[in-house]
Amino acid sequence: AVSNGAPRVNVWSNEDETLIRADVPGVDPDAIEISVHENELRIAGERLPADTDEAMTWHRSERLRGTFARTITLPYRVNADKVSAECKNGLLTIRLHREEADKPRQIKVKAA
């Protein structure tokens, strides 16, 4: 369940990388904080309230506003030095590359 206005995400992965897309409409890309620790990704930020004329009276307020944070458990540890992120049209795309030491290794069996 998504709480506190945290963005909804889609997560894909293969053996080498994980791709995350998060909905962040109305969030300034400079205000988004992304951090990675082993196999966890944290996305945090703030949606500012809409600018309105003080003489106006609210009739409905459904758009989320305020701070949010979301932690996503990844399928494996990632290399924090190889994380990239970009935000375009309210869609945040994050690429996380798998830590080399965490990749499966094939062991060759020698004949004795």
Protein backbone atom coordinates (compact mmCIF):
# COMPACT_ATOMS: atom_id res chain seq x y z
CA ALA A 1 0.00 0.00 0.00
CA VAL A 2 1.20 3.49 -0.84
CA SER A 3 0.83 5.98 1.99
CA ASN A 4 1.64 9.61 2.81
CA GLY A 5 1.31 10.70 -0.81
CA ALA A 6 4.34 8.68 -1.91
CA PRO A 7 4.50 8.15 -5.67
CA ARG A 8 3.17 5.02 -7.29
CA VAL A 9 5.92 3.03 -9.02
CA ASN A 10 6.54 0.34 -11.60
CA VAL A 11 9.67 -1.79 -11.10
CA TRP A 12 11.35 -4.03 -13.70
CA SER A 13 14.62 -5.94 -13.41
CA ASN A 14 16.90 -8.37 -15.18
CA GLU A 15 20.23 -9.91 -14.13
CA ASP A 16 22.12 -6.64 -14.60
CA GLU A 17 19.85 -3.73 -13.69
CA THR A 18 16.59 -2.55 -12.20
CA LEU A 19 14.43 0.16 -13.77
CA ILE A 20 11.95 2.14 -11.68
CA ARG A 21 9.39 4.61 -12.96
CA ALA A 22 7.57 6.79 -10.43
CA ASP A 23 4.73 9.26 -10.90
CA VAL A 24 5.79 12.63 -9.48
CA PRO A 25 3.54 15.23 -11.15
CA GLY A 26 3.88 18.68 -9.66
CA VAL A 27 7.14 17.85 -7.88
CA ASP A 28 10.20 19.97 -8.67
CA PRO A 29 12.94 17.52 -9.81
CA ASP A 30 15.47 19.49 -7.72
CA ALA A 31 13.39 18.71 -4.62
CA ILE A 32 13.50 14.93 -5.14
CA GLU A 33 15.96 13.01 -2.97
CA ILE A 34 17.07 9.54 -3.99
CA SER A 35 19.27 7.34 -1.84
CA VAL A 36 20.41 3.73 -2.11
CA HIS A 37 21.68 1.37 0.56
CA GLU A 38 22.44 -2.24 -0.44
CA ASN A 39 19.09 -3.47 -1.81
CA GLU A 40 16.87 -0.56 -0.77
CA LEU A 41 15.97 2.58 -2.68
CA ARG A 42 14.45 5.59 -0.94
CA ILE A 43 12.59 8.32 -2.84
CA ALA A 44 11.59 11.46 -0.92
CA GLY A 45 10.31 14.87 -1.89
CA GLU A 46 7.61 17.46 -1.47
CA ARG A 47 4.56 18.47 -3.44
CA LEU A 48 3.91 22.14 -2.83
CA PRO A 49 0.34 23.40 -2.49
CA ALA A 50 -1.18 25.02 -5.56
CA ASP A 51 -0.87 28.79 -5.84
CA THR A 52 -4.30 30.33 -5.49
CA ASP A 53 -5.74 33.77 -5.06
CA GLU A 54 -6.44 34.38 -1.36
CA ALA A 55 -9.84 35.79 -2.32
CA MET A 56 -10.81 32.37 -3.72
CA THR A 57 -12.64 29.77 -1.60
CA TRP A 58 -11.69 26.09 -1.86
CA HIS A 59 -14.52 23.86 -3.08
CA ARG A 60 -12.51 20.70 -3.57
CA SER A 61 -8.91 19.70 -2.88
CA GLU A 62 -8.04 16.21 -4.15
CA ARG A 63 -4.45 16.66 -5.32
CA LEU A 64 -1.90 15.47 -2.80
CA ARG A 65 0.48 17.94 -1.26
CA GLY A 66 3.17 17.88 1.40
CA THR A 67 6.25 15.77 1.99
CA PHE A 68 6.52 12.11 1.06
CA ALA A 69 9.00 9.28 1.38
CA ARG A 70 8.96 5.77 0.01
CA THR A 71 11.40 2.89 0.43
CA ILE A 72 11.42 0.13 -2.16
CA THR A 73 13.15 -3.21 -1.60
CA LEU A 74 15.06 -4.18 -4.73
CA PRO A 75 15.65 -7.76 -5.93
CA TYR A 76 19.40 -7.47 -5.26
CA ARG A 77 22.13 -5.10 -4.02
CA VAL A 78 22.94 -2.28 -6.42
CA ASN A 79 26.05 -0.24 -7.15
CA ALA A 80 25.26 3.18 -5.67
CA ASP A 81 27.90 4.78 -7.93
CA LYS A 82 26.02 3.68 -11.05
CA VAL A 83 22.53 4.98 -10.23
CA SER A 84 21.04 7.45 -12.70
CA ALA A 85 17.78 9.38 -12.51
CA GLU A 86 15.88 11.76 -14.75
CA CYS A 87 12.51 13.42 -14.52
CA LYS A 88 10.44 14.36 -17.56
CA ASN A 89 6.78 15.39 -17.67
CA GLY A 90 6.14 14.25 -14.11
CA LEU A 91 7.67 10.79 -14.64
CA LEU A 92 10.80 9.93 -12.65
CA THR A 93 12.97 7.20 -14.21
CA ILE A 94 15.69 5.59 -12.08
CA ARG A 95 18.23 3.02 -13.37
CA LEU A 96 20.10 0.95 -10.80
CA HIS A 97 22.92 -1.38 -11.82
CA ARG A 98 23.47 -4.61 -9.96
CA GLU A 99 26.53 -4.85 -7.72
CA GLU A 100 29.11 -7.09 -9.46
CA ALA A 101 29.77 -9.03 -6.26
CA ASP A 102 26.04 -9.80 -6.02
CA LYS A 103 25.78 -11.34 -9.50
CA PRO A 104 25.60 -15.13 -9.73
CA ARG A 105 28.87 -16.74 -10.73
CA GLN A 106 29.19 -19.92 -12.74
CA ILE A 107 31.83 -22.25 -11.33
CA LYS A 108 33.70 -24.44 -13.79
CA VAL A 109 34.25 -27.97 -12.60
CA LYS A 110 37.74 -29.32 -13.34
CA ALA A 111 38.34 -32.94 -14.17
CA ALA A 112 40.54 -34.59 -11.58
